[in-house]
Amino acid sequence: MLEFVLHFAVYCGWPKASHLEGPVARQWDRIHRERGEQTPPWPQLGNDTLGPGAWDERLKRGAEEFTDVNLLCAPPTNSPYRQAGILGFVFGHVWQPPD
């Protein structure tokens, strides 16, 4: 569900995703309480889960994934939205398949 919140943020906006995270947290707690378990903390992700730290590699992988998903060439990196947002984050991180 946390990955869903991240996808939701990208496509619906960060403020809306921030509000969505609340019900996810409450349901996480409810499920564990109904099982008679103590609610564990949310998983802590290491920085290694963020994909390559080298921006050139991340943009390269993002462009490849953009092409694979959309079946057309990746956009040029001539704006912050395209470079950091679309290729660096959405397709360079969020849409990356597990290794």
C-alpha atoms as a PDB file:
ATOM      1  CA  MET A   1       0.000   0.000   0.000  1.00  0.00           C
ATOM      2  CA  LEU A   2       2.905   2.352   0.638  1.00  0.00           C
ATOM      3  CA  GLU A   3       4.051   1.861  -2.956  1.00  0.00           C
ATOM      4  CA  PHE A   4       0.502   2.714  -4.048  1.00  0.00           C
ATOM      5  CA  VAL A   5       0.708   5.960  -2.069  1.00  0.00           C
ATOM      6  CA  LEU A   6       3.948   6.793  -3.900  1.00  0.00           C
ATOM      7  CA  HIS A   7       2.348   6.131  -7.310  1.00  0.00           C
ATOM      8  CA  PHE A   8      -0.708   8.116  -6.234  1.00  0.00           C
ATOM      9  CA  ALA A   9       1.540  11.059  -5.314  1.00  0.00           C
ATOM     10  CA  VAL A  10       3.149  11.115  -8.731  1.00  0.00           C
ATOM     11  CA  TYR A  11      -0.125  11.108 -10.645  1.00  0.00           C
ATOM     12  CA  CYS A  12      -2.557  12.834  -8.244  1.00  0.00           C
ATOM     13  CA  GLY A  13      -0.324  15.201  -6.276  1.00  0.00           C
ATOM     14  CA  TRP A  14       1.770  15.126  -3.131  1.00  0.00           C
ATOM     15  CA  PRO A  15      -0.800  16.827  -0.844  1.00  0.00           C
ATOM     16  CA  LYS A  16      -3.469  14.252  -1.765  1.00  0.00           C
ATOM     17  CA  ALA A  17      -0.998  11.406  -1.201  1.00  0.00           C
ATOM     18  CA  SER A  18      -0.116  12.846   2.183  1.00  0.00           C
ATOM     19  CA  HIS A  19      -3.800  12.608   3.133  1.00  0.00           C
ATOM     20  CA  LEU A  20      -4.038   9.081   1.693  1.00  0.00           C
ATOM     21  CA  GLU A  21      -1.147   7.899   3.843  1.00  0.00           C
ATOM     22  CA  GLY A  22      -3.255   8.468   6.980  1.00  0.00           C
ATOM     23  CA  PRO A  23      -5.936   5.856   6.155  1.00  0.00           C
ATOM     24  CA  VAL A  24      -3.227   3.418   5.079  1.00  0.00           C
ATOM     25  CA  ALA A  25      -1.543   3.824   8.478  1.00  0.00           C
ATOM     26  CA  ARG A  26      -4.847   3.383  10.308  1.00  0.00           C
ATOM     27  CA  GLN A  27      -5.644   0.204   8.369  1.00  0.00           C
ATOM     28  CA  TRP A  28      -2.123  -1.145   9.047  1.00  0.00           C
ATOM     29  CA  ASP A  29      -2.842  -0.651  12.740  1.00  0.00           C
ATOM     30  CA  ARG A  30      -6.389  -2.074  12.555  1.00  0.00           C
ATOM     31  CA  ILE A  31      -5.310  -5.251  10.754  1.00  0.00           C
ATOM     32  CA  HIS A  32      -2.662  -6.016  13.354  1.00  0.00           C
ATOM     33  CA  ARG A  33      -4.946  -5.240  16.298  1.00  0.00           C
ATOM     34  CA  GLU A  34      -7.681  -7.508  14.869  1.00  0.00           C
ATOM     35  CA  ARG A  35      -5.104 -10.306  14.661  1.00  0.00           C
ATOM     36  CA  GLY A  36      -4.229  -9.719  18.308  1.00  0.00           C
ATOM     37  CA  GLU A  37      -0.757  -8.532  17.337  1.00  0.00           C
ATOM     38  CA  GLN A  38       1.157  -5.460  18.347  1.00  0.00           C
ATOM     39  CA  THR A  39       1.392  -3.117  15.370  1.00  0.00           C
ATOM     40  CA  PRO A  40       4.947  -3.147  14.052  1.00  0.00           C
ATOM     41  CA  PRO A  41       6.560   0.018  12.752  1.00  0.00           C
ATOM     42  CA  TRP A  42       6.381   0.613   9.032  1.00  0.00           C
ATOM     43  CA  PRO A  43       9.239  -0.887   7.053  1.00  0.00           C
ATOM     44  CA  GLN A  44      12.339   1.282   6.954  1.00  0.00           C
ATOM     45  CA  LEU A  45      13.802   1.448   3.471  1.00  0.00           C
ATOM     46  CA  GLY A  46      17.497   1.930   2.974  1.00  0.00           C
ATOM     47  CA  ASN A  47      18.855   4.397   0.460  1.00  0.00           C
ATOM     48  CA  ASP A  48      19.869   1.441  -1.701  1.00  0.00           C
ATOM     49  CA  THR A  49      16.155   1.025  -2.578  1.00  0.00           C
ATOM     50  CA  LEU A  50      16.171   4.405  -4.329  1.00  0.00           C
ATOM     51  CA  GLY A  51      17.958   3.095  -7.396  1.00  0.00           C
ATOM     52  CA  PRO A  52      21.308   4.181  -8.722  1.00  0.00           C
ATOM     53  CA  GLY A  53      22.826   7.168  -6.956  1.00  0.00           C
ATOM     54  CA  ALA A  54      24.642   8.256 -10.098  1.00  0.00           C
ATOM     55  CA  TRP A  55      22.270  10.597 -11.944  1.00  0.00           C
ATOM     56  CA  ASP A  56      23.589   9.686 -15.374  1.00  0.00           C
ATOM     57  CA  GLU A  57      22.793   6.010 -14.728  1.00  0.00           C
ATOM     58  CA  ARG A  58      19.389   6.831 -13.238  1.00  0.00           C
ATOM     59  CA  LEU A  59      18.439   9.002 -16.228  1.00  0.00           C
ATOM     60  CA  LYS A  60      19.625   6.310 -18.634  1.00  0.00           C
ATOM     61  CA  ARG A  61      17.529   3.656 -16.873  1.00  0.00           C
ATOM     62  CA  GLY A  62      14.607   6.091 -16.645  1.00  0.00           C
ATOM     63  CA  ALA A  63      14.712   6.749 -20.388  1.00  0.00           C
ATOM     64  CA  GLU A  64      14.848   3.011 -21.104  1.00  0.00           C
ATOM     65  CA  GLU A  65      11.910   2.304 -18.797  1.00  0.00           C
ATOM     66  CA  PHE A  66       9.903   5.219 -20.252  1.00  0.00           C
ATOM     67  CA  THR A  67      10.379   3.706 -23.722  1.00  0.00           C
ATOM     68  CA  ASP A  68       9.467   0.208 -22.527  1.00  0.00           C
ATOM     69  CA  VAL A  69       6.287   1.390 -20.777  1.00  0.00           C
ATOM     70  CA  ASN A  70       5.058   3.988 -23.286  1.00  0.00           C
ATOM     71  CA  LEU A  71       6.349   2.406 -26.504  1.00  0.00           C
ATOM     72  CA  LEU A  72       7.772   5.716 -27.685  1.00  0.00           C
ATOM     73  CA  CYS A  73      11.029   7.568 -27.237  1.00  0.00           C
ATOM     74  CA  ALA A  74      11.743   9.228 -23.917  1.00  0.00           C
ATOM     75  CA  PRO A  75      11.365  13.023 -23.837  1.00  0.00           C
ATOM     76  CA  PRO A  76      14.453  15.240 -23.894  1.00  0.00           C
ATOM     77  CA  THR A  77      15.868  16.313 -20.529  1.00  0.00           C
ATOM     78  CA  ASN A  78      15.373  19.999 -21.285  1.00  0.00           C
ATOM     79  CA  SER A  79      13.230  20.887 -18.272  1.00  0.00           C
ATOM     80  CA  PRO A  80      13.299  20.024 -14.547  1.00  0.00           C
ATOM     81  CA  TYR A  81       9.920  18.266 -14.922  1.00  0.00           C
ATOM     82  CA  ARG A  82      11.216  15.939 -17.632  1.00  0.00           C
ATOM     83  CA  GLN A  83      14.721  15.422 -16.271  1.00  0.00           C
ATOM     84  CA  ALA A  84      14.273  15.129 -12.498  1.00  0.00           C
ATOM     85  CA  GLY A  85      10.542  14.383 -12.369  1.00  0.00           C
ATOM     86  CA  ILE A  86       9.666  12.072 -15.239  1.00  0.00           C
ATOM     87  CA  LEU A  87      12.958  10.375 -16.142  1.00  0.00           C
ATOM     88  CA  GLY A  88      14.851  10.656 -12.862  1.00  0.00           C
ATOM     89  CA  PHE A  89      12.042   9.886 -10.434  1.00  0.00           C
ATOM     90  CA  VAL A  90       8.948   8.376 -12.072  1.00  0.00           C
ATOM     91  CA  PHE A  91      10.743   6.113 -14.553  1.00  0.00           C
ATOM     92  CA  GLY A  92      14.203   6.133 -12.960  1.00  0.00           C
ATOM     93  CA  HIS A  93      12.847   5.004  -9.593  1.00  0.00           C
ATOM     94  CA  VAL A  94       9.107   4.377  -9.205  1.00  0.00           C
ATOM     95  CA  TRP A  95       8.628   2.323 -12.386  1.00  0.00           C
ATOM     96  CA  GLN A  96      11.884   0.373 -12.055  1.00  0.00           C
ATOM     97  CA  PRO A  97      11.345  -3.367 -11.955  1.00  0.00           C
ATOM     98  CA  PRO A  98      13.037  -5.233  -9.118  1.00  0.00           C
ATOM     99  CA  ASP A  99      16.537  -6.425  -9.903  1.00  0.00           C
END
